[in-house]
């Protein structure tokens, strides 16, 4: 349905709370990962590529753009006024093409949702920038958007609320480069993956063992307190997945190493970034055709709310197996994305 070949950067998530999600393991049955119901799953970017220009297909970059636009709207990706205007202008260029005074009214930007608390001043700046672009294709505009978005400090950071061992509220962030520590929205520490020797959790505590520095003789262990055992395990799994995806060349026959702890059987089973780049280099098909319209819809992006019932289609409507419909699977179609509301049924 998505016509997406570089799918390893994406995943399905279930939302425990409006701000907390759990990634589904594609190798396990759904019924073993969720309980109760009904459940709402969303299709999201899971691993944010550090260099989006290395993605092979325009459609993959477009999906990444949609995720980042939603990250901006939700406040997960803070931006300055200048950056909001620049990214907004590339969004408009991607979806409308060159500015044309005969086609674009004085308030044509109003139909775009480009920022939280969007102001008239911001819209005027977006129009000013949009007018300067000439013959910039949608694909070029998407790439310019990504080249600027990837420089933002919170790009691709998966946040987890925690406390340090003194009980001070902090936030731990997991990203392609390592583990980050924030206090009062400011980064106070950073642990790159090459410096991390081991990660572990015990009950609601999460630990990282750090490689000694040049002036240090011994390894050091740093602990954090998570809200619950489940939160600690979730953070541990996210770290394992990010470390494996971005640091290792292959997941085949991953040995049980010191990096993992407590004897957990969990291993990231998908392809690594190195493997997906190799596979992407082998893609041989005409560039997929798709329509860039998501910014102008009330329900948009990979991470938005489920659209109204009037917009939904049954599984049979979109060509799925009839048995899915009988089990209560409803697909909400947003042109480029689908959300599944999966109810209890025997086949799951």
C-alpha atoms as a PDB file:
ATOM      1  CA  UNK A   1       0.000   0.000   0.000  1.00  0.00           C
ATOM      2  CA  UNK A   2       2.842   2.432   0.823  1.00  0.00           C
ATOM      3  CA  UNK A   3       4.979   1.336  -2.144  1.00  0.00           C
ATOM      4  CA  UNK A   4       7.972   1.654   0.168  1.00  0.00           C
ATOM      5  CA  UNK A   5      11.127  -0.426  -0.356  1.00  0.00           C
ATOM      6  CA  UNK A   6      13.428   1.292   2.158  1.00  0.00           C
ATOM      7  CA  UNK A   7      11.116   0.182   4.942  1.00  0.00           C
ATOM      8  CA  UNK A   8      13.735  -0.595   7.586  1.00  0.00           C
ATOM      9  CA  UNK A   9      13.701   2.979   8.888  1.00  0.00           C
ATOM     10  CA  UNK A  10       9.998   2.676   9.754  1.00  0.00           C
ATOM     11  CA  UNK A  11       7.869   0.704  12.176  1.00  0.00           C
ATOM     12  CA  UNK A  12       4.467   0.225  13.779  1.00  0.00           C
ATOM     13  CA  UNK A  13       3.939   1.611  17.265  1.00  0.00           C
ATOM     14  CA  UNK A  14       1.206   1.297  19.860  1.00  0.00           C
ATOM     15  CA  UNK A  15       0.605   4.315  22.099  1.00  0.00           C
ATOM     16  CA  UNK A  16       0.470   3.646  25.843  1.00  0.00           C
ATOM     17  CA  UNK A  17      -0.238   7.329  26.515  1.00  0.00           C
ATOM     18  CA  UNK A  18      -0.477  10.375  24.212  1.00  0.00           C
ATOM     19  CA  UNK A  19       3.289  10.878  24.660  1.00  0.00           C
ATOM     20  CA  UNK A  20       4.574   7.324  25.170  1.00  0.00           C
ATOM     21  CA  UNK A  21       4.729   4.641  22.488  1.00  0.00           C
ATOM     22  CA  UNK A  22       5.924   1.063  22.265  1.00  0.00           C
ATOM     23  CA  UNK A  23       7.333  -0.361  19.045  1.00  0.00           C
ATOM     24  CA  UNK A  24       5.903  -3.645  17.814  1.00  0.00           C
ATOM     25  CA  UNK A  25       8.279  -6.492  17.068  1.00  0.00           C
ATOM     26  CA  UNK A  26       7.457  -7.679  13.517  1.00  0.00           C
ATOM     27  CA  UNK A  27       8.771 -11.160  14.314  1.00  0.00           C
ATOM     28  CA  UNK A  28       6.177 -11.793  17.040  1.00  0.00           C
ATOM     29  CA  UNK A  29       2.433 -12.277  16.989  1.00  0.00           C
ATOM     30  CA  UNK A  30       0.469  -9.156  17.864  1.00  0.00           C
ATOM     31  CA  UNK A  31      -1.504 -10.939  20.586  1.00  0.00           C
ATOM     32  CA  UNK A  32       1.748 -11.602  22.459  1.00  0.00           C
ATOM     33  CA  UNK A  33       2.694  -7.918  22.444  1.00  0.00           C
ATOM     34  CA  UNK A  34      -0.561  -6.168  23.354  1.00  0.00           C
ATOM     35  CA  UNK A  35      -3.359  -6.903  25.784  1.00  0.00           C
ATOM     36  CA  UNK A  36      -6.944  -5.748  25.952  1.00  0.00           C
ATOM     37  CA  UNK A  37      -8.219  -3.564  23.158  1.00  0.00           C
ATOM     38  CA  UNK A  38      -9.133  -1.986  20.864  1.00  0.00           C
ATOM     39  CA  UNK A  39      -5.661  -0.686  20.038  1.00  0.00           C
ATOM     40  CA  UNK A  40      -4.479   2.138  17.819  1.00  0.00           C
ATOM     41  CA  UNK A  41      -1.279   1.562  15.864  1.00  0.00           C
ATOM     42  CA  UNK A  42       0.600   4.284  14.005  1.00  0.00           C
ATOM     43  CA  UNK A  43       3.152   4.013  11.233  1.00  0.00           C
ATOM     44  CA  UNK A  44       6.207   6.086  12.162  1.00  0.00           C
ATOM     45  CA  UNK A  45       9.842   6.678  11.389  1.00  0.00           C
ATOM     46  CA  UNK A  46      11.686   4.536  13.934  1.00  0.00           C
ATOM     47  CA  UNK A  47      15.308   5.117  12.919  1.00  0.00           C
ATOM     48  CA  UNK A  48      16.002   8.650  11.685  1.00  0.00           C
ATOM     49  CA  UNK A  49      18.817   8.496   9.098  1.00  0.00           C
ATOM     50  CA  UNK A  50      21.697  10.831  10.029  1.00  0.00           C
ATOM     51  CA  UNK A  51      22.165  11.672   6.342  1.00  0.00           C
ATOM     52  CA  UNK A  52      18.813  11.592   4.485  1.00  0.00           C
ATOM     53  CA  UNK A  53      20.604  12.345   1.205  1.00  0.00           C
ATOM     54  CA  UNK A  54      21.869   8.752   1.258  1.00  0.00           C
ATOM     55  CA  UNK A  55      18.329   7.415   0.991  1.00  0.00           C
ATOM     56  CA  UNK A  56      17.812   6.046  -2.495  1.00  0.00           C
ATOM     57  CA  UNK A  57      14.207   6.928  -3.306  1.00  0.00           C
ATOM     58  CA  UNK A  58      12.331  10.218  -3.229  1.00  0.00           C
ATOM     59  CA  UNK A  59       9.279   8.523  -1.731  1.00  0.00           C
ATOM     60  CA  UNK A  60      11.295   7.471   1.331  1.00  0.00           C
ATOM     61  CA  UNK A  61      12.527  11.026   1.840  1.00  0.00           C
ATOM     62  CA  UNK A  62       8.970  12.307   1.470  1.00  0.00           C
ATOM     63  CA  UNK A  63       7.712   9.989   4.225  1.00  0.00           C
ATOM     64  CA  UNK A  64      10.570  11.192   6.421  1.00  0.00           C
ATOM     65  CA  UNK A  65       9.524  14.791   5.697  1.00  0.00           C
ATOM     66  CA  UNK A  66       5.970  14.004   6.789  1.00  0.00           C
ATOM     67  CA  UNK A  67       7.213  12.550  10.067  1.00  0.00           C
ATOM     68  CA  UNK A  68       9.413  15.566  10.752  1.00  0.00           C
ATOM     69  CA  UNK A  69       6.560  17.971  10.005  1.00  0.00           C
ATOM     70  CA  UNK A  70       4.468  16.154  12.589  1.00  0.00           C
ATOM     71  CA  UNK A  71       7.391  16.205  15.032  1.00  0.00           C
ATOM     72  CA  UNK A  72       7.495  19.988  14.616  1.00  0.00           C
ATOM     73  CA  UNK A  73       3.740  20.412  15.045  1.00  0.00           C
ATOM     74  CA  UNK A  74       3.684  18.248  18.171  1.00  0.00           C
ATOM     75  CA  UNK A  75       6.600  20.107  19.756  1.00  0.00           C
ATOM     76  CA  UNK A  76       8.952  17.118  19.721  1.00  0.00           C
ATOM     77  CA  UNK A  77      11.275  18.929  17.309  1.00  0.00           C
ATOM     78  CA  UNK A  78      11.755  22.515  18.559  1.00  0.00           C
ATOM     79  CA  UNK A  79      12.793  25.088  15.952  1.00  0.00           C
ATOM     80  CA  UNK A  80      13.707  28.754  15.913  1.00  0.00           C
ATOM     81  CA  UNK A  81      11.528  31.206  13.994  1.00  0.00           C
ATOM     82  CA  UNK A  82      14.047  31.336  11.145  1.00  0.00           C
ATOM     83  CA  UNK A  83      14.177  27.549  10.865  1.00  0.00           C
ATOM     84  CA  UNK A  84      10.384  27.224  10.987  1.00  0.00           C
ATOM     85  CA  UNK A  85      10.106  29.724   8.141  1.00  0.00           C
ATOM     86  CA  UNK A  86      12.779  27.985   6.068  1.00  0.00           C
ATOM     87  CA  UNK A  87      11.339  24.497   6.556  1.00  0.00           C
ATOM     88  CA  UNK A  88       7.842  25.826   5.931  1.00  0.00           C
ATOM     89  CA  UNK A  89       8.915  27.399   2.648  1.00  0.00           C
ATOM     90  CA  UNK A  90      10.343  24.082   1.449  1.00  0.00           C
ATOM     91  CA  UNK A  91       7.102  22.338   2.429  1.00  0.00           C
ATOM     92  CA  UNK A  92       5.094  24.814   0.369  1.00  0.00           C
ATOM     93  CA  UNK A  93       7.503  24.522  -2.575  1.00  0.00           C
ATOM     94  CA  UNK A  94       7.290  20.726  -2.412  1.00  0.00           C
ATOM     95  CA  UNK A  95       3.497  20.706  -2.546  1.00  0.00           C
ATOM     96  CA  UNK A  96       2.669  23.748  -4.699  1.00  0.00           C
ATOM     97  CA  UNK A  97       5.739  24.273  -6.849  1.00  0.00           C
ATOM     98  CA  UNK A  98       6.957  27.748  -7.817  1.00  0.00           C
ATOM     99  CA  UNK A  99       5.086  30.781  -6.550  1.00  0.00           C
ATOM    100  CA  UNK A 100       2.596  32.048  -9.129  1.00  0.00           C
ATOM    101  CA  UNK A 101       0.732  35.305  -8.349  1.00  0.00           C
ATOM    102  CA  UNK A 102      -2.046  34.270 -10.737  1.00  0.00           C
ATOM    103  CA  UNK A 103      -2.653  31.026  -8.843  1.00  0.00           C
ATOM    104  CA  UNK A 104      -1.748  31.859  -5.268  1.00  0.00           C
ATOM    105  CA  UNK A 105      -3.948  34.291  -3.385  1.00  0.00           C
ATOM    106  CA  UNK A 106      -2.625  36.617  -0.713  1.00  0.00           C
ATOM    107  CA  UNK A 107      -3.525  34.149   2.038  1.00  0.00           C
ATOM    108  CA  UNK A 108      -2.628  30.884   0.288  1.00  0.00           C
ATOM    109  CA  UNK A 109      -0.314  29.918   3.155  1.00  0.00           C
ATOM    110  CA  UNK A 110      -3.268  29.807   5.566  1.00  0.00           C
ATOM    111  CA  UNK A 111      -4.242  26.334   4.387  1.00  0.00           C
ATOM    112  CA  UNK A 112      -0.889  24.941   5.515  1.00  0.00           C
ATOM    113  CA  UNK A 113      -0.230  23.927   9.108  1.00  0.00           C
ATOM    114  CA  UNK A 114       3.501  24.525   9.391  1.00  0.00           C
ATOM    115  CA  UNK A 115       4.150  25.200  13.070  1.00  0.00           C
ATOM    116  CA  UNK A 116       2.556  25.054  16.501  1.00  0.00           C
ATOM    117  CA  UNK A 117       0.996  28.429  17.332  1.00  0.00           C
ATOM    118  CA  UNK A 118       1.458  29.538  13.732  1.00  0.00           C
ATOM    119  CA  UNK A 119       1.552  33.337  13.400  1.00  0.00           C
ATOM    120  CA  UNK A 120       0.892  35.807  10.609  1.00  0.00           C
ATOM    121  CA  UNK A 121       4.509  36.917  10.839  1.00  0.00           C
ATOM    122  CA  UNK A 122       5.693  33.368  10.183  1.00  0.00           C
ATOM    123  CA  UNK A 123       3.350  32.975   7.211  1.00  0.00           C
ATOM    124  CA  UNK A 124       4.620  36.221   5.692  1.00  0.00           C
ATOM    125  CA  UNK A 125       8.217  35.037   6.024  1.00  0.00           C
ATOM    126  CA  UNK A 126       7.342  31.692   4.414  1.00  0.00           C
ATOM    127  CA  UNK A 127       5.759  33.520   1.463  1.00  0.00           C
ATOM    128  CA  UNK A 128       8.826  35.754   1.148  1.00  0.00           C
ATOM    129  CA  UNK A 129      11.119  32.714   0.944  1.00  0.00           C
ATOM    130  CA  UNK A 130       8.770  30.754  -1.315  1.00  0.00           C
ATOM    131  CA  UNK A 131       8.838  33.557  -3.885  1.00  0.00           C
ATOM    132  CA  UNK A 132      12.624  33.208  -4.220  1.00  0.00           C
ATOM    133  CA  UNK A 133      12.556  29.581  -5.414  1.00  0.00           C
ATOM    134  CA  UNK A 134      12.620  29.007  -9.147  1.00  0.00           C
ATOM    135  CA  UNK A 135      12.354  25.646 -10.899  1.00  0.00           C
ATOM    136  CA  UNK A 136      12.952  23.759  -7.648  1.00  0.00           C
ATOM    137  CA  UNK A 137      11.359  20.326  -8.017  1.00  0.00           C
ATOM    138  CA  UNK A 138       9.341  18.721  -5.194  1.00  0.00           C
ATOM    139  CA  UNK A 139      12.119  16.171  -4.648  1.00  0.00           C
ATOM    140  CA  UNK A 140      14.716  18.942  -4.382  1.00  0.00           C
ATOM    141  CA  UNK A 141      12.512  20.834  -1.918  1.00  0.00           C
ATOM    142  CA  UNK A 142      12.122  17.701   0.224  1.00  0.00           C
ATOM    143  CA  UNK A 143      15.878  17.180   0.261  1.00  0.00           C
ATOM    144  CA  UNK A 144      16.508  20.813   1.241  1.00  0.00           C
ATOM    145  CA  UNK A 145      13.957  20.378   4.033  1.00  0.00           C
ATOM    146  CA  UNK A 146      15.767  17.288   5.317  1.00  0.00           C
ATOM    147  CA  UNK A 147      19.241  18.799   5.005  1.00  0.00           C
ATOM    148  CA  UNK A 148      18.152  21.594   7.355  1.00  0.00           C
ATOM    149  CA  UNK A 149      16.010  19.467   9.677  1.00  0.00           C
ATOM    150  CA  UNK A 150      18.799  16.952  10.332  1.00  0.00           C
ATOM    151  CA  UNK A 151      20.900  19.743  11.895  1.00  0.00           C
ATOM    152  CA  UNK A 152      18.349  20.379  14.651  1.00  0.00           C
ATOM    153  CA  UNK A 153      19.502  19.224  18.074  1.00  0.00           C
ATOM    154  CA  UNK A 154      16.390  17.095  18.710  1.00  0.00           C
ATOM    155  CA  UNK A 155      16.305  15.457  15.278  1.00  0.00           C
ATOM    156  CA  UNK A 156      15.503  11.770  15.690  1.00  0.00           C
ATOM    157  CA  UNK A 157      15.786  11.766  19.493  1.00  0.00           C
ATOM    158  CA  UNK A 158      13.510   9.260  21.282  1.00  0.00           C
ATOM    159  CA  UNK A 159      12.810  10.740  24.741  1.00  0.00           C
ATOM    160  CA  UNK A 160      12.223   8.874  28.014  1.00  0.00           C
ATOM    161  CA  UNK A 161      11.409  10.527  31.354  1.00  0.00           C
ATOM    162  CA  UNK A 162      13.685   9.499  34.236  1.00  0.00           C
ATOM    163  CA  UNK A 163      15.428  10.651  37.405  1.00  0.00           C
ATOM    164  CA  UNK A 164      19.088  10.596  38.311  1.00  0.00           C
ATOM    165  CA  UNK A 165      20.198   8.751  41.439  1.00  0.00           C
ATOM    166  CA  UNK A 166      19.661  11.923  43.469  1.00  0.00           C
ATOM    167  CA  UNK A 167      16.020  12.054  42.428  1.00  0.00           C
ATOM    168  CA  UNK A 168      16.367  15.000  40.038  1.00  0.00           C
ATOM    169  CA  UNK A 169      14.029  14.928  37.039  1.00  0.00           C
ATOM    170  CA  UNK A 170      15.861  14.384  33.761  1.00  0.00           C
ATOM    171  CA  UNK A 171      15.076  13.109  30.283  1.00  0.00           C
ATOM    172  CA  UNK A 172      17.059  10.427  28.477  1.00  0.00           C
ATOM    173  CA  UNK A 173      17.223  10.598  24.702  1.00  0.00           C
ATOM    174  CA  UNK A 174      18.192   7.768  22.362  1.00  0.00           C
ATOM    175  CA  UNK A 175      19.364   8.567  18.838  1.00  0.00           C
ATOM    176  CA  UNK A 176      21.632   7.327  16.062  1.00  0.00           C
ATOM    177  CA  UNK A 177      24.797   8.591  17.766  1.00  0.00           C
ATOM    178  CA  UNK A 178      24.190   7.441  21.337  1.00  0.00           C
ATOM    179  CA  UNK A 179      22.446   8.251  24.619  1.00  0.00           C
ATOM    180  CA  UNK A 180      21.745  11.869  25.596  1.00  0.00           C
ATOM    181  CA  UNK A 181      20.828  13.338  28.989  1.00  0.00           C
ATOM    182  CA  UNK A 182      18.649  16.449  29.321  1.00  0.00           C
ATOM    183  CA  UNK A 183      17.692  18.594  32.294  1.00  0.00           C
ATOM    184  CA  UNK A 184      15.213  21.445  31.952  1.00  0.00           C
ATOM    185  CA  UNK A 185      15.294  20.902  28.162  1.00  0.00           C
ATOM    186  CA  UNK A 186      19.057  21.463  28.011  1.00  0.00           C
ATOM    187  CA  UNK A 187      21.490  18.680  27.154  1.00  0.00           C
ATOM    188  CA  UNK A 188      23.827  18.106  30.078  1.00  0.00           C
ATOM    189  CA  UNK A 189      25.601  14.933  28.978  1.00  0.00           C
ATOM    190  CA  UNK A 190      26.174  12.703  25.977  1.00  0.00           C
ATOM    191  CA  UNK A 191      27.325   9.091  25.765  1.00  0.00           C
ATOM    192  CA  UNK A 192      28.275   8.102  22.190  1.00  0.00           C
ATOM    193  CA  UNK A 193      27.701   4.441  21.333  1.00  0.00           C
ATOM    194  CA  UNK A 194      31.459   3.724  20.960  1.00  0.00           C
ATOM    195  CA  UNK A 195      31.933   4.892  24.556  1.00  0.00           C
ATOM    196  CA  UNK A 196      29.160   2.679  25.971  1.00  0.00           C
ATOM    197  CA  UNK A 197      30.404  -0.767  26.999  1.00  0.00           C
ATOM    198  CA  UNK A 198      27.216  -2.178  28.460  1.00  0.00           C
ATOM    199  CA  UNK A 199      23.571  -1.324  29.079  1.00  0.00           C
ATOM    200  CA  UNK A 200      21.325  -3.078  31.564  1.00  0.00           C
ATOM    201  CA  UNK A 201      18.208  -2.683  33.653  1.00  0.00           C
ATOM    202  CA  UNK A 202      17.057  -4.095  36.970  1.00  0.00           C
ATOM    203  CA  UNK A 203      13.532  -3.502  38.152  1.00  0.00           C
ATOM    204  CA  UNK A 204      12.948   0.206  37.412  1.00  0.00           C
ATOM    205  CA  UNK A 205      16.636   1.128  37.244  1.00  0.00           C
ATOM    206  CA  UNK A 206      18.608   1.576  34.031  1.00  0.00           C
ATOM    207  CA  UNK A 207      22.415   1.401  33.914  1.00  0.00           C
ATOM    208  CA  UNK A 208      25.137   2.176  31.397  1.00  0.00           C
ATOM    209  CA  UNK A 209      28.780   1.176  31.758  1.00  0.00           C
ATOM    210  CA  UNK A 210      31.153   3.708  30.224  1.00  0.00           C
ATOM    211  CA  UNK A 211      34.567   3.089  28.708  1.00  0.00           C
ATOM    212  CA  UNK A 212      37.336   4.875  30.669  1.00  0.00           C
ATOM    213  CA  UNK A 213      38.588   8.137  29.183  1.00  0.00           C
ATOM    214  CA  UNK A 214      42.184   8.976  28.353  1.00  0.00           C
ATOM    215  CA  UNK A 215      42.874  10.219  31.876  1.00  0.00           C
ATOM    216  CA  UNK A 216      40.817   7.487  33.567  1.00  0.00           C
ATOM    217  CA  UNK A 217      41.888   4.025  34.632  1.00  0.00           C
ATOM    218  CA  UNK A 218      38.624   2.237  35.342  1.00  0.00           C
ATOM    219  CA  UNK A 219      35.239   1.766  33.746  1.00  0.00           C
ATOM    220  CA  UNK A 220      32.366   3.674  35.338  1.00  0.00           C
ATOM    221  CA  UNK A 221      28.701   2.779  35.716  1.00  0.00           C
ATOM    222  CA  UNK A 222      25.965   5.407  35.698  1.00  0.00           C
ATOM    223  CA  UNK A 223      22.447   4.653  36.892  1.00  0.00           C
ATOM    224  CA  UNK A 224      19.047   6.226  36.281  1.00  0.00           C
ATOM    225  CA  UNK A 225      15.616   5.640  37.783  1.00  0.00           C
ATOM    226  CA  UNK A 226      12.696   5.084  35.416  1.00  0.00           C
ATOM    227  CA  UNK A 227       9.003   5.364  36.380  1.00  0.00           C
ATOM    228  CA  UNK A 228       8.521   1.577  36.264  1.00  0.00           C
ATOM    229  CA  UNK A 229      10.073  -1.750  35.350  1.00  0.00           C
ATOM    230  CA  UNK A 230       8.258  -1.611  32.027  1.00  0.00           C
ATOM    231  CA  UNK A 231       9.671   1.849  31.277  1.00  0.00           C
ATOM    232  CA  UNK A 232      13.204   0.681  32.099  1.00  0.00           C
ATOM    233  CA  UNK A 233      12.883  -2.358  29.850  1.00  0.00           C
ATOM    234  CA  UNK A 234      11.419  -0.234  27.042  1.00  0.00           C
ATOM    235  CA  UNK A 235      14.359   2.185  27.220  1.00  0.00           C
ATOM    236  CA  UNK A 236      16.793  -0.740  27.240  1.00  0.00           C
ATOM    237  CA  UNK A 237      15.173  -2.239  24.130  1.00  0.00           C
ATOM    238  CA  UNK A 238      15.230   1.099  22.294  1.00  0.00           C
ATOM    239  CA  UNK A 239      18.942   1.419  23.087  1.00  0.00           C
ATOM    240  CA  UNK A 240      19.658  -2.125  21.874  1.00  0.00           C
ATOM    241  CA  UNK A 241      17.778  -1.490  18.628  1.00  0.00           C
ATOM    242  CA  UNK A 242      19.456   1.848  17.908  1.00  0.00           C
ATOM    243  CA  UNK A 243      22.915   0.538  18.749  1.00  0.00           C
ATOM    244  CA  UNK A 244      22.416  -2.506  16.521  1.00  0.00           C
ATOM    245  CA  UNK A 245      20.860  -0.604  13.619  1.00  0.00           C
ATOM    246  CA  UNK A 246      23.397   2.211  13.450  1.00  0.00           C
ATOM    247  CA  UNK A 247      26.592   0.583  14.773  1.00  0.00           C
ATOM    248  CA  UNK A 248      26.625  -3.003  13.494  1.00  0.00           C
ATOM    249  CA  UNK A 249      27.039  -4.138   9.915  1.00  0.00           C
ATOM    250  CA  UNK A 250      24.823  -7.211  10.257  1.00  0.00           C
ATOM    251  CA  UNK A 251      22.363  -8.805  12.677  1.00  0.00           C
ATOM    252  CA  UNK A 252      23.118 -12.337  11.512  1.00  0.00           C
ATOM    253  CA  UNK A 253      24.187 -14.556  14.394  1.00  0.00           C
ATOM    254  CA  UNK A 254      24.682 -11.680  16.818  1.00  0.00           C
ATOM    255  CA  UNK A 255      26.690 -13.125  19.716  1.00  0.00           C
ATOM    256  CA  UNK A 256      25.627 -12.543  23.280  1.00  0.00           C
ATOM    257  CA  UNK A 257      27.991  -9.756  24.215  1.00  0.00           C
ATOM    258  CA  UNK A 258      28.844  -7.606  27.178  1.00  0.00           C
ATOM    259  CA  UNK A 259      26.768  -4.836  25.657  1.00  0.00           C
ATOM    260  CA  UNK A 260      23.575  -6.731  26.524  1.00  0.00           C
ATOM    261  CA  UNK A 261      22.737  -7.688  30.057  1.00  0.00           C
ATOM    262  CA  UNK A 262      20.493  -9.696  32.394  1.00  0.00           C
ATOM    263  CA  UNK A 263      20.273 -12.617  29.998  1.00  0.00           C
ATOM    264  CA  UNK A 264      17.376 -11.187  28.018  1.00  0.00           C
ATOM    265  CA  UNK A 265      16.574 -13.074  24.836  1.00  0.00           C
ATOM    266  CA  UNK A 266      15.666  -9.868  23.023  1.00  0.00           C
ATOM    267  CA  UNK A 267      17.739  -9.055  19.961  1.00  0.00           C
ATOM    268  CA  UNK A 268      17.024  -6.605  17.172  1.00  0.00           C
ATOM    269  CA  UNK A 269      16.110  -8.859  14.255  1.00  0.00           C
ATOM    270  CA  UNK A 270      15.735  -6.407  11.375  1.00  0.00           C
ATOM    271  CA  UNK A 271      18.343  -5.211   8.928  1.00  0.00           C
ATOM    272  CA  UNK A 272      20.999  -2.756  10.053  1.00  0.00           C
ATOM    273  CA  UNK A 273      21.508   0.598   8.363  1.00  0.00           C
ATOM    274  CA  UNK A 274      24.505  -0.865   6.536  1.00  0.00           C
ATOM    275  CA  UNK A 275      22.387  -3.736   5.229  1.00  0.00           C
ATOM    276  CA  UNK A 276      19.481  -1.544   4.182  1.00  0.00           C
ATOM    277  CA  UNK A 277      21.864   0.761   2.304  1.00  0.00           C
ATOM    278  CA  UNK A 278      23.249  -2.243   0.451  1.00  0.00           C
ATOM    279  CA  UNK A 279      19.725  -3.375  -0.404  1.00  0.00           C
ATOM    280  CA  UNK A 280      18.741   0.150  -1.458  1.00  0.00           C
ATOM    281  CA  UNK A 281      21.652   0.299  -3.872  1.00  0.00           C
ATOM    282  CA  UNK A 282      20.091  -2.683  -5.676  1.00  0.00           C
ATOM    283  CA  UNK A 283      16.688  -1.031  -6.175  1.00  0.00           C
ATOM    284  CA  UNK A 284      15.870  -1.101  -9.867  1.00  0.00           C
ATOM    285  CA  UNK A 285      12.438   0.299 -10.610  1.00  0.00           C
ATOM    286  CA  UNK A 286      10.956   3.492 -12.053  1.00  0.00           C
ATOM    287  CA  UNK A 287      10.551   6.223  -9.454  1.00  0.00           C
ATOM    288  CA  UNK A 288       7.160   5.702  -7.753  1.00  0.00           C
ATOM    289  CA  UNK A 289       4.543   8.343  -8.516  1.00  0.00           C
ATOM    290  CA  UNK A 290       2.830   9.890  -5.490  1.00  0.00           C
ATOM    291  CA  UNK A 291       0.958  13.053  -4.564  1.00  0.00           C
ATOM    292  CA  UNK A 292       2.318  15.521  -2.021  1.00  0.00           C
ATOM    293  CA  UNK A 293      -0.753  16.843  -0.214  1.00  0.00           C
ATOM    294  CA  UNK A 294      -0.425  15.822   3.428  1.00  0.00           C
ATOM    295  CA  UNK A 295       0.269  19.265   4.921  1.00  0.00           C
ATOM    296  CA  UNK A 296      -3.125  20.537   3.829  1.00  0.00           C
ATOM    297  CA  UNK A 297      -5.196  17.896   5.635  1.00  0.00           C
ATOM    298  CA  UNK A 298      -6.494  18.108   9.182  1.00  0.00           C
ATOM    299  CA  UNK A 299      -5.226  14.577   9.872  1.00  0.00           C
ATOM    300  CA  UNK A 300      -1.753  14.192   8.460  1.00  0.00           C
ATOM    301  CA  UNK A 301       1.676  12.629   8.763  1.00  0.00           C
ATOM    302  CA  UNK A 302       2.825   9.357  10.209  1.00  0.00           C
ATOM    303  CA  UNK A 303       2.050  10.280  13.759  1.00  0.00           C
ATOM    304  CA  UNK A 304      -1.324  12.020  13.730  1.00  0.00           C
ATOM    305  CA  UNK A 305      -4.591  11.110  15.341  1.00  0.00           C
ATOM    306  CA  UNK A 306      -6.926   8.607  13.735  1.00  0.00           C
ATOM    307  CA  UNK A 307      -9.157  10.478  11.269  1.00  0.00           C
ATOM    308  CA  UNK A 308     -12.946  10.642  11.650  1.00  0.00           C
ATOM    309  CA  UNK A 309     -14.998   7.526  11.049  1.00  0.00           C
ATOM    310  CA  UNK A 310     -16.462   9.073   7.914  1.00  0.00           C
ATOM    311  CA  UNK A 311     -13.036   8.797   6.254  1.00  0.00           C
ATOM    312  CA  UNK A 312     -12.411   5.176   7.103  1.00  0.00           C
ATOM    313  CA  UNK A 313     -12.390   2.191   4.820  1.00  0.00           C
ATOM    314  CA  UNK A 314     -12.811  -1.426   5.763  1.00  0.00           C
ATOM    315  CA  UNK A 315      -9.990  -3.824   5.097  1.00  0.00           C
ATOM    316  CA  UNK A 316     -11.907  -5.207   2.129  1.00  0.00           C
ATOM    317  CA  UNK A 317     -12.176  -1.693   0.638  1.00  0.00           C
ATOM    318  CA  UNK A 318      -8.399  -1.475   0.326  1.00  0.00           C
ATOM    319  CA  UNK A 319      -7.914  -4.963  -1.005  1.00  0.00           C
ATOM    320  CA  UNK A 320      -7.093  -6.803   2.209  1.00  0.00           C
ATOM    321  CA  UNK A 321      -8.227 -10.325   2.968  1.00  0.00           C
ATOM    322  CA  UNK A 322     -11.909 -10.659   3.793  1.00  0.00           C
ATOM    323  CA  UNK A 323     -11.030 -12.585   6.944  1.00  0.00           C
ATOM    324  CA  UNK A 324      -9.393  -9.464   8.337  1.00  0.00           C
ATOM    325  CA  UNK A 325     -12.624  -7.538   8.038  1.00  0.00           C
ATOM    326  CA  UNK A 326     -14.533 -10.261   9.848  1.00  0.00           C
ATOM    327  CA  UNK A 327     -12.037 -10.004  12.701  1.00  0.00           C
ATOM    328  CA  UNK A 328     -12.640  -6.286  13.114  1.00  0.00           C
ATOM    329  CA  UNK A 329      -9.608  -4.807  11.374  1.00  0.00           C
ATOM    330  CA  UNK A 330     -10.396  -1.326  10.134  1.00  0.00           C
ATOM    331  CA  UNK A 331      -7.957   0.574   7.941  1.00  0.00           C
ATOM    332  CA  UNK A 332      -8.080   4.362   8.105  1.00  0.00           C
ATOM    333  CA  UNK A 333      -6.611   5.598   4.849  1.00  0.00           C
ATOM    334  CA  UNK A 334      -4.772   8.922   4.619  1.00  0.00           C
ATOM    335  CA  UNK A 335      -3.639   8.444   1.015  1.00  0.00           C
ATOM    336  CA  UNK A 336      -0.016   7.719   1.840  1.00  0.00           C
ATOM    337  CA  UNK A 337      -0.515   6.246   5.300  1.00  0.00           C
ATOM    338  CA  UNK A 338      -2.795   3.784   7.003  1.00  0.00           C
ATOM    339  CA  UNK A 339      -3.663   3.310  10.632  1.00  0.00           C
ATOM    340  CA  UNK A 340      -4.958   0.000  11.907  1.00  0.00           C
ATOM    341  CA  UNK A 341      -7.407  -0.339  14.739  1.00  0.00           C
ATOM    342  CA  UNK A 342      -7.135  -3.997  15.574  1.00  0.00           C
ATOM    343  CA  UNK A 343      -9.717  -5.509  17.843  1.00  0.00           C
ATOM    344  CA  UNK A 344      -9.583  -8.805  19.663  1.00  0.00           C
ATOM    345  CA  UNK A 345     -10.051 -11.700  17.307  1.00  0.00           C
ATOM    346  CA  UNK A 346      -8.955 -15.289  17.131  1.00  0.00           C
ATOM    347  CA  UNK A 347      -6.439 -14.893  14.313  1.00  0.00           C
ATOM    348  CA  UNK A 348      -4.206 -12.365  16.131  1.00  0.00           C
END
